[in-house]
Amino acid sequence: MRNTLITFLALGFIFASCEFDKGFEEMNVNPNAAAQIGAGNKFAKTILDTSGGRYENWRNSFIYNSTLIQHHATLAGYWSGDKYYRVDSYATSLWDRYYPSAVKGIEDIIQQFKDEGNSGSEMGMARILRVFIYHRITDTHGDIPYSEAGKGYIDGTLKPKYDAQQDIYMDMLKELEEAVA
């Protein structure tokens, strides 16, 4: 028993003193992986995220908003808009899908363009898409995170402040003017 314990301790000290990971960091680099994703690819993905999937389009646009503004009316109890009561699973579906995908994507694209010094037509297109994304969210929810939204990966803002809807609309008009200038 004592010999077994001494053997295990000796092996433990031997393995602990060796540098097994020496050189693995350099060897463990995928030469086929992209160091930076091109803004064009990110833009295409963000447009796809903005167009939405069945979840947010069906729940937010069709079941909730279209009945709220009386495009549709129904006797079904789960269609809440025409009865003027809130069902969070429908009302928040756009929020739940847009902030982690479209908002994050467009803010990343705009930051990449700023870092690259790109202020041309591509930046203008990104700014217009940004207005479109936030327009849909603020139309549904009113005051939303806008000026600090999507900055978690960029500058570490994990709890963005809510901006007033009026301020958001005024900034959107400014963004559109500058985007087409």
Foldseek 3Di string as FASTA:
>chain_A
DVVVVVVVVVVVVVVVPDDPCVPVVVVPDDPPDDPDDDLVVLVVQLVVLLVPDCQLCCLAVPLAVCLLVPVDDDPDPVSCNVVPDDDCSRLCRLVVRCQVGNQLSLVVSLVVCVVVVNPDLVNLVSLLSLLVSVVVVCVRPFWAQRPCGNCCVPPNPPPGDTDGNVVSVVVSVVSNVSSVD
